[in-house]
Amino acid sequence: MRNFELEVFFSKWEFKAKYHLTASDMESMTMKELLAMASPEDREAFENLWLGYTQTYGLPALRCEIAKTYDHMKDQNILCFVGAEEGIYAAMRSILDKDDHAIVIVPNYQAAETIPISICDVTGIRLDADNDWDLNIDALVGALRPNTKLISINFPNNPTGKIISREKLESLVNIAREFDVYIFSDEVYRGIELDENKRLPQIADLYEKGLSLNVMSKAYGLPGLRIGWLASQDTAILAEIERYKHFLTICNSAPSEILSLIALKSRDNILKRNKKILSENLNKLDKFFGEFPNLFDWKRPDGGAVAYPRYLGPDTANEFCEKLLDETGILLLPPRIYNSELMSTPQDHFRIGFGRSGMDKMLDIFYHYLKKNRA
């Protein structure tokens, strides 16, 4: 497989750059803050935790709590992983083989494309930058083959923040059902949509061959816990994926499972707090980009904690991000990170994150840099 360009980039800059303005997660919290949310019973369970191996599927109590975040799932419909990345890898390796065909949307989180490409033929379906990053269902239908096994989607989308309509999602489910195709749905930003009318149902609830991916990292802002999961009505495919997990991490961290359980029991308060951060930061971005209409084409994303504005300046967006980092220490994600092996991708956009606190200082430095150098 080719290098994971985002992680290569972050390996160099995430903890070195002075101002991280492209983070894809929500503001995290300390262990003390999280444990303050625990019930006495859960606090005692954490403090007296036996540090042995855990169940491959995940702690039963955690799986029950995860199931409550869906409409129709039970604990047997949940399989936990060490983060979302392991879930993507194990699912693709379990479902696909060399004679299959997969369809993925572009742009997307790179693993959703790179892992299938290492296994079988893959077709990319472009989100239309000139049509608010919408998904063309007709193009997707046209890409179907007799050996198509899986369609991979990601809404709210990383990096664009796009959420397709519910009607379009239901059309996709009907197509997948007709052609007996799995739908793998990355839903890691679900729950923090500021307009809840745009929130989509989870694919595991909608479709018998749907797999919903989620994680504690993004909407909940707890990436340090390294707990993710897949939900599906298809318990047989979950069992196959669980057997693949035996060759990877085997099981999850016992402390992380208890801490995730505590967080999920307090999910309403955590998500409310995180949506407040998003709302405040988006208002700041509206004002900031409104000062530079000649440099940026800005539109609020539908959901998630990242946006993908268009750069209108005289140099390329890649050069702009590099110069900004070099001269101010502000880290944005250049468009080359979202290059696809399947098709060309827009090179005039960059990813900005707005899920963390501390944006005022970064935007002030960014503002004065632009006034000095780009006005």
Protein backbone atom coordinates (compact mmCIF):
# COMPACT_ATOMS: atom_id res chain seq x y z
CA MET A 1 0.00 0.00 0.00
CA ARG A 2 1.12 3.58 -0.59
CA ASN A 3 2.08 5.75 2.34
CA PHE A 4 -0.75 7.09 4.47
CA GLU A 5 -0.09 10.68 3.43
CA LEU A 6 -2.10 12.32 6.22
CA GLU A 7 -0.31 10.34 8.91
CA VAL A 8 3.09 10.93 7.30
CA PHE A 9 2.31 14.65 7.30
CA PHE A 10 1.08 14.61 10.90
CA SER A 11 4.02 12.49 12.01
CA LYS A 12 6.21 15.42 10.99
CA TRP A 13 4.05 18.39 11.97
CA GLU A 14 1.20 17.55 14.38
CA PHE A 15 3.26 18.01 17.54
CA LYS A 16 5.88 20.29 16.02
CA ALA A 17 3.79 23.08 14.47
CA LYS A 18 3.10 25.93 16.85
CA TYR A 19 -0.60 26.31 15.93
CA HIS A 20 -2.65 23.25 14.98
CA LEU A 21 -5.53 24.64 12.90
CA THR A 22 -6.41 21.49 11.01
CA ALA A 23 -7.25 19.02 13.80
CA SER A 24 -10.13 16.71 12.91
CA ASP A 25 -11.29 15.93 16.44
CA MET A 26 -13.15 17.78 19.17
CA GLU A 27 -11.50 19.41 22.18
CA SER A 28 -10.47 16.60 24.51
CA MET A 29 -10.51 16.47 28.30
CA THR A 30 -8.31 15.30 31.13
CA MET A 31 -8.63 12.01 32.94
CA LYS A 32 -9.77 13.96 35.99
CA GLU A 33 -12.56 15.66 34.03
CA LEU A 34 -13.77 12.38 32.55
CA LEU A 35 -13.71 10.50 35.85
CA ALA A 36 -15.73 13.30 37.41
CA MET A 37 -18.58 12.20 35.13
CA ALA A 38 -18.46 8.60 36.40
CA SER A 39 -21.06 7.06 38.65
CA PRO A 40 -19.70 5.73 41.95
CA GLU A 41 -20.02 2.20 40.57
CA ASP A 42 -18.11 2.98 37.36
CA ARG A 43 -15.44 4.89 39.29
CA GLU A 44 -14.96 1.90 41.55
CA ALA A 45 -14.84 -0.42 38.52
CA PHE A 46 -12.07 1.70 37.04
CA GLU A 47 -10.03 1.94 40.24
CA ASN A 48 -10.27 -1.80 40.93
CA LEU A 49 -9.89 -2.88 37.31
CA TRP A 50 -8.12 -6.17 36.69
CA LEU A 51 -5.47 -5.52 34.00
CA GLY A 52 -5.72 -8.80 32.16
CA TYR A 53 -6.84 -9.64 28.64
CA THR A 54 -10.27 -8.46 27.57
CA GLN A 55 -12.91 -9.97 25.29
CA THR A 56 -12.13 -9.61 21.57
CA TYR A 57 -15.61 -8.26 20.84
CA GLY A 58 -15.23 -5.71 23.62
CA LEU A 59 -16.43 -5.29 27.18
CA PRO A 60 -20.09 -6.47 27.28
CA ALA A 61 -21.24 -3.42 29.25
CA LEU A 62 -19.51 -1.13 26.75
CA ARG A 63 -21.11 -2.90 23.80
CA CYS A 64 -24.52 -2.54 25.44
CA GLU A 65 -23.94 1.19 25.91
CA ILE A 66 -22.74 1.58 22.32
CA ALA A 67 -25.85 -0.25 21.11
CA LYS A 68 -27.99 2.41 22.81
CA THR A 69 -26.59 4.99 20.36
CA TYR A 70 -28.44 3.14 17.56
CA ASP A 71 -32.15 2.57 16.98
CA HIS A 72 -32.17 -1.18 16.48
CA MET A 73 -28.80 -2.58 17.62
CA LYS A 74 -28.12 -4.94 20.53
CA ASP A 75 -24.80 -5.86 22.11
CA GLN A 76 -24.36 -8.77 19.67
CA ASN A 77 -24.43 -6.26 16.80
CA ILE A 78 -21.33 -4.41 18.09
CA LEU A 79 -17.66 -5.28 17.57
CA CYS A 80 -15.06 -3.03 19.21
CA PHE A 81 -11.60 -2.13 17.91
CA VAL A 82 -8.50 -0.18 18.87
CA GLY A 83 -9.67 2.99 17.13
CA ALA A 84 -11.54 3.35 13.85
CA GLU A 85 -8.54 2.58 11.63
CA GLU A 86 -8.38 -1.03 12.79
CA GLY A 87 -12.10 -1.36 12.07
CA ILE A 88 -11.63 -0.13 8.50
CA TYR A 89 -8.67 -2.41 7.90
CA ALA A 90 -10.22 -5.56 9.38
CA ALA A 91 -13.56 -5.03 7.64
CA MET A 92 -12.06 -4.47 4.18
CA ARG A 93 -9.73 -7.44 4.56
CA SER A 94 -12.59 -9.67 5.71
CA ILE A 95 -15.23 -8.64 3.16
CA LEU A 96 -13.17 -8.18 -0.02
CA ASP A 97 -10.96 -10.53 -2.01
CA LYS A 98 -8.98 -10.20 -5.23
CA ASP A 99 -11.91 -11.03 -7.53
CA ASP A 100 -14.24 -8.41 -6.02
CA HIS A 101 -14.92 -4.80 -6.91
CA ALA A 102 -15.50 -1.89 -4.50
CA ILE A 103 -16.78 1.65 -4.90
CA VAL A 104 -15.55 4.52 -2.72
CA ILE A 105 -16.37 8.22 -2.64
CA VAL A 106 -13.61 10.79 -3.29
CA PRO A 107 -12.34 12.79 -1.41
CA ASN A 108 -12.36 10.62 1.67
CA TYR A 109 -10.26 9.43 4.58
CA GLN A 110 -7.41 7.77 2.71
CA ALA A 111 -7.71 4.34 4.34
CA ALA A 112 -11.19 3.93 2.84
CA GLU A 113 -9.53 3.95 -0.59
CA THR A 114 -6.01 2.63 -0.08
CA ILE A 115 -6.92 -0.56 1.76
CA PRO A 116 -9.48 -1.76 -0.83
CA ILE A 117 -7.06 -0.89 -3.66
CA SER A 118 -4.53 -3.25 -2.09
CA ILE A 119 -7.10 -6.05 -2.34
CA CYS A 120 -9.23 -5.66 -5.48
CA ASP A 121 -10.44 -3.37 -8.26
CA VAL A 122 -11.85 -0.08 -6.96
CA THR A 123 -13.86 2.69 -8.63
CA GLY A 124 -13.97 6.20 -7.22
CA ILE A 125 -17.11 8.35 -7.29
CA ARG A 126 -16.33 12.03 -7.10
CA LEU A 127 -18.13 14.35 -4.70
CA ASP A 128 -18.94 17.36 -6.88
CA ALA A 129 -17.09 20.46 -5.66
CA ASP A 130 -19.23 22.64 -7.94
CA ASN A 131 -22.47 21.24 -6.51
CA ASP A 132 -21.83 21.62 -2.78
CA TRP A 133 -19.86 18.33 -2.73
CA ASP A 134 -23.00 16.33 -3.47
CA LEU A 135 -23.02 12.62 -4.38
CA ASN A 136 -24.14 11.67 -7.88
CA ILE A 137 -26.25 8.55 -7.43
CA ASP A 138 -26.46 7.96 -11.20
CA ALA A 139 -22.67 7.89 -11.41
CA LEU A 140 -22.56 5.39 -8.58
CA VAL A 141 -25.12 3.14 -10.27
CA GLY A 142 -23.09 3.36 -13.47
CA ALA A 143 -20.02 2.14 -11.62
CA LEU A 144 -21.69 -1.04 -10.35
CA ARG A 145 -20.40 -4.32 -11.75
CA PRO A 146 -21.58 -7.92 -11.37
CA ASN A 147 -18.72 -8.48 -8.89
CA THR A 148 -19.24 -5.27 -6.86
CA LYS A 149 -19.10 -6.33 -3.22
CA LEU A 150 -18.95 -3.09 -1.24
CA ILE A 151 -19.75 0.63 -1.39
CA SER A 152 -17.82 2.84 1.04
CA ILE A 153 -19.28 6.20 2.11
CA ASN A 154 -18.38 8.86 4.67
CA PHE A 155 -20.96 11.45 5.84
CA PRO A 156 -20.42 13.89 7.47
CA ASN A 157 -17.51 13.80 5.07
CA ASN A 158 -13.86 14.30 5.89
CA PRO A 159 -12.64 16.77 4.61
CA THR A 160 -15.65 18.59 3.12
CA GLY A 161 -18.19 18.34 5.96
CA LYS A 162 -20.84 17.31 3.42
CA ILE A 163 -23.99 15.45 4.50
CA ILE A 164 -26.12 14.07 1.69
CA SER A 165 -29.91 14.16 1.96
CA ARG A 166 -31.80 11.37 3.69
CA GLU A 167 -33.61 10.69 0.43
CA LYS A 168 -30.30 10.16 -1.34
CA LEU A 169 -29.09 7.84 1.41
CA GLU A 170 -32.29 5.79 1.19
CA SER A 171 -31.85 5.58 -2.59
CA LEU A 172 -28.33 4.27 -2.02
CA VAL A 173 -29.66 1.63 0.39
CA ASN A 174 -32.29 0.52 -2.13
CA ILE A 175 -29.62 0.19 -4.83
CA ALA A 176 -27.30 -1.78 -2.54
CA ARG A 177 -30.15 -4.08 -1.55
CA GLU A 178 -31.08 -4.69 -5.18
CA PHE A 179 -27.51 -5.60 -6.10
CA ASP A 180 -26.75 -7.39 -2.79
CA VAL A 181 -23.84 -5.10 -1.92
CA TYR A 182 -22.42 -4.18 1.48
CA ILE A 183 -22.43 -0.52 2.50
CA PHE A 184 -19.55 0.53 4.74
CA SER A 185 -20.45 3.87 6.32
CA ASP A 186 -17.92 5.99 8.20
CA GLU A 187 -20.09 7.89 10.70
CA VAL A 188 -17.44 9.15 13.12
CA TYR A 189 -18.80 12.73 13.12
CA ARG A 190 -22.43 11.82 13.70
CA GLY A 191 -23.97 13.52 16.73
CA ILE A 192 -22.38 16.96 16.49
CA GLU A 193 -24.38 18.32 13.55
CA LEU A 194 -25.42 21.85 14.48
CA ASP A 195 -28.54 21.47 12.29
CA GLU A 196 -30.01 18.21 13.57
CA ASN A 197 -32.42 18.13 10.63
CA LYS A 198 -29.40 17.19 8.49
CA ARG A 199 -28.43 14.24 10.70
CA LEU A 200 -28.64 10.95 8.81
CA PRO A 201 -29.84 7.61 10.14
CA GLN A 202 -27.02 5.16 10.76
CA ILE A 203 -26.57 2.60 8.02
CA ALA A 204 -26.58 -0.32 10.46
CA ASP A 205 -30.13 0.61 11.44
CA LEU A 206 -31.28 1.10 7.84
CA TYR A 207 -29.80 -1.83 5.98
CA GLU A 208 -29.25 -5.51 6.73
CA LYS A 209 -25.85 -5.48 4.97
CA GLY A 210 -24.77 -2.11 6.34
CA LEU A 211 -21.74 -1.59 8.58
CA SER A 212 -21.57 1.59 10.66
CA LEU A 213 -18.14 2.75 11.81
CA ASN A 214 -17.76 4.99 14.84
CA VAL A 215 -15.12 5.89 17.40
CA MET A 216 -14.52 7.82 20.62
CA SER A 217 -11.99 10.06 18.82
CA LYS A 218 -13.98 12.53 16.74
CA ALA A 219 -17.44 13.63 17.92
CA TYR A 220 -16.62 12.68 21.53
CA GLY A 221 -13.13 14.21 21.46
CA LEU A 222 -11.39 11.30 23.18
CA PRO A 223 -8.84 9.95 20.69
CA GLY A 224 -6.46 8.95 23.46
CA LEU A 225 -8.82 6.17 24.50
CA ARG A 226 -8.30 4.37 21.15
CA ILE A 227 -11.74 2.75 21.14
CA GLY A 228 -13.77 2.37 17.96
CA TRP A 229 -16.47 -0.03 16.77
CA LEU A 230 -18.52 -1.47 13.95
CA ALA A 231 -22.27 -1.98 14.21
CA SER A 232 -24.19 -4.28 11.88
CA GLN A 233 -27.31 -6.40 11.63
CA ASP A 234 -25.11 -8.97 9.87
CA THR A 235 -23.63 -10.79 12.85
CA ALA A 236 -22.05 -13.39 10.56
CA ILE A 237 -19.81 -10.78 8.90
CA LEU A 238 -18.98 -9.34 12.32
CA ALA A 239 -17.82 -12.81 13.35
CA GLU A 240 -15.53 -12.98 10.30
CA ILE A 241 -14.11 -9.56 11.09
CA GLU A 242 -13.62 -10.57 14.73
CA ARG A 243 -11.52 -13.54 13.58
CA TYR A 244 -9.39 -11.16 11.52
CA LYS A 245 -8.91 -9.00 14.60
CA HIS A 246 -7.22 -12.02 16.23
CA PHE A 247 -4.23 -11.32 13.96
CA LEU A 248 -4.14 -7.62 14.85
CA THR A 249 -4.70 -6.33 18.39
CA ILE A 250 -6.63 -9.37 19.70
CA CYS A 251 -8.41 -7.23 22.28
CA ASN A 252 -8.76 -3.67 23.53
CA SER A 253 -7.23 -1.84 26.49
CA ALA A 254 -9.22 -2.61 29.64
CA PRO A 255 -8.84 0.92 31.11
CA SER A 256 -9.90 2.46 27.79
CA GLU A 257 -13.03 0.33 27.70
CA ILE A 258 -14.14 1.48 31.17
CA LEU A 259 -13.31 5.12 30.37
CA SER A 260 -15.27 4.87 27.10
CA LEU A 261 -18.21 3.42 29.00
CA ILE A 262 -18.12 6.38 31.40
CA ALA A 263 -17.99 8.83 28.49
CA LEU A 264 -20.84 7.20 26.59
CA LYS A 265 -23.05 7.25 29.66
CA SER A 266 -22.44 11.02 29.72
CA ARG A 267 -22.66 11.40 25.95
CA ASP A 268 -25.50 13.92 25.98
CA ASN A 269 -23.47 16.36 28.08
CA ILE A 270 -20.27 15.73 26.11
CA LEU A 271 -21.95 16.25 22.74
CA LYS A 272 -23.77 19.35 23.99
CA ARG A 273 -20.46 20.85 25.14
CA ASN A 274 -18.80 19.94 21.84
CA LYS A 275 -21.58 21.45 19.74
CA LYS A 276 -21.20 24.69 21.69
CA ILE A 277 -17.50 24.79 20.78
CA LEU A 278 -18.33 24.12 17.13
CA SER A 279 -20.98 26.82 17.01
CA GLU A 280 -18.70 29.44 18.55
CA ASN A 281 -15.78 28.53 16.30
CA LEU A 282 -17.89 28.52 13.14
CA ASN A 283 -19.09 32.03 13.95
CA LYS A 284 -15.44 33.06 14.21
CA LEU A 285 -14.63 31.42 10.87
CA ASP A 286 -17.60 33.11 9.20
CA LYS A 287 -16.23 36.47 10.32
CA PHE A 288 -12.63 35.62 9.47
CA PHE A 289 -13.26 34.39 5.92
CA GLY A 290 -15.72 37.23 5.37
CA GLU A 291 -12.75 39.61 5.68
CA PHE A 292 -11.01 37.99 2.69
CA PRO A 293 -13.56 37.26 -0.06
CA ASN A 294 -10.84 37.71 -2.68
CA LEU A 295 -8.75 34.94 -1.13
CA PHE A 296 -11.25 32.33 0.02
CA ASP A 297 -14.55 30.78 -1.04
CA TRP A 298 -16.00 29.80 2.34
CA LYS A 299 -19.18 27.84 3.07
CA ARG A 300 -20.20 26.38 6.39
CA PRO A 301 -19.96 22.57 6.34
CA ASP A 302 -23.06 20.50 7.06
CA GLY A 303 -21.45 18.59 9.91
CA GLY A 304 -18.25 17.37 11.49
CA ALA A 305 -15.32 19.37 12.83
CA VAL A 306 -13.47 20.14 9.59
CA ALA A 307 -14.16 22.27 6.52
CA TYR A 308 -12.60 22.44 3.05
CA PRO A 309 -12.66 26.04 1.80
CA ARG A 310 -11.40 26.97 -1.66
CA TYR A 311 -8.26 29.10 -1.92
CA LEU A 312 -8.50 31.86 -4.55
CA GLY A 313 -5.05 33.40 -4.18
CA PRO A 314 -2.34 33.80 -6.80
CA ASP A 315 -0.24 30.79 -5.76
CA THR A 316 -1.43 27.22 -5.34
CA ALA A 317 -3.23 26.04 -2.22
CA ASN A 318 -0.35 23.67 -1.51
CA GLU A 319 2.14 26.54 -1.67
CA PHE A 320 -0.13 28.73 0.43
CA CYS A 321 -0.30 26.13 3.22
CA GLU A 322 3.46 25.60 3.14
CA LYS A 323 4.25 29.32 3.33
CA LEU A 324 1.72 29.87 6.12
CA LEU A 325 3.28 27.09 8.17
CA ASP A 326 6.82 28.28 7.52
CA GLU A 327 6.13 31.94 8.32
CA THR A 328 3.61 31.70 11.16
CA GLY A 329 3.66 28.15 12.52
CA ILE A 330 -0.03 27.71 11.58
CA LEU A 331 -0.79 24.18 10.38
CA LEU A 332 -3.44 23.65 7.69
CA LEU A 333 -3.87 20.50 5.63
CA PRO A 334 -2.87 21.08 1.99
CA PRO A 335 -4.92 19.50 -0.82
CA ARG A 336 -2.14 17.12 -1.85
CA ILE A 337 -2.94 15.11 1.29
CA TYR A 338 -6.28 14.19 -0.32
CA ASN A 339 -4.79 13.06 -3.63
CA SER A 340 -6.49 9.91 -4.87
CA GLU A 341 -5.12 6.94 -6.79
CA LEU A 342 -8.47 6.67 -8.55
CA MET A 343 -9.00 10.15 -9.99
CA SER A 344 -7.86 13.74 -9.87
CA THR A 345 -8.90 15.72 -6.80
CA PRO A 346 -9.33 19.49 -6.37
CA GLN A 347 -6.02 21.20 -5.70
CA ASP A 348 -7.47 24.56 -4.69
CA HIS A 349 -8.87 23.58 -1.28
CA PHE A 350 -7.35 23.13 2.18
CA ARG A 351 -8.64 21.56 5.38
CA ILE A 352 -9.23 23.66 8.46
CA GLY A 353 -10.38 22.25 11.80
CA PHE A 354 -12.69 24.01 14.23
CA GLY A 355 -13.41 21.49 16.97
CA ARG A 356 -10.83 22.63 19.50
CA SER A 357 -10.54 25.63 21.77
CA GLY A 358 -7.88 28.32 21.40
CA MET A 359 -8.90 29.42 17.93
CA ASP A 360 -8.89 33.15 18.71
CA LYS A 361 -5.11 33.46 18.90
CA MET A 362 -4.56 31.34 15.79
CA LEU A 363 -7.05 33.34 13.73
CA ASP A 364 -5.54 36.61 14.95
CA ILE A 365 -2.08 35.53 13.75
CA PHE A 366 -3.60 34.21 10.50
CA TYR A 367 -5.48 37.51 9.98
CA HIS A 368 -2.44 39.72 10.41
CA TYR A 369 -0.37 37.46 8.16
CA LEU A 370 -2.94 37.82 5.37
CA LYS A 371 -3.28 41.57 5.87
CA LYS A 372 0.47 41.96 5.63
CA ASN A 373 1.18 39.54 2.78
CA ARG A 374 -2.01 38.99 0.76
CA ALA A 375 -4.20 42.09 1.01
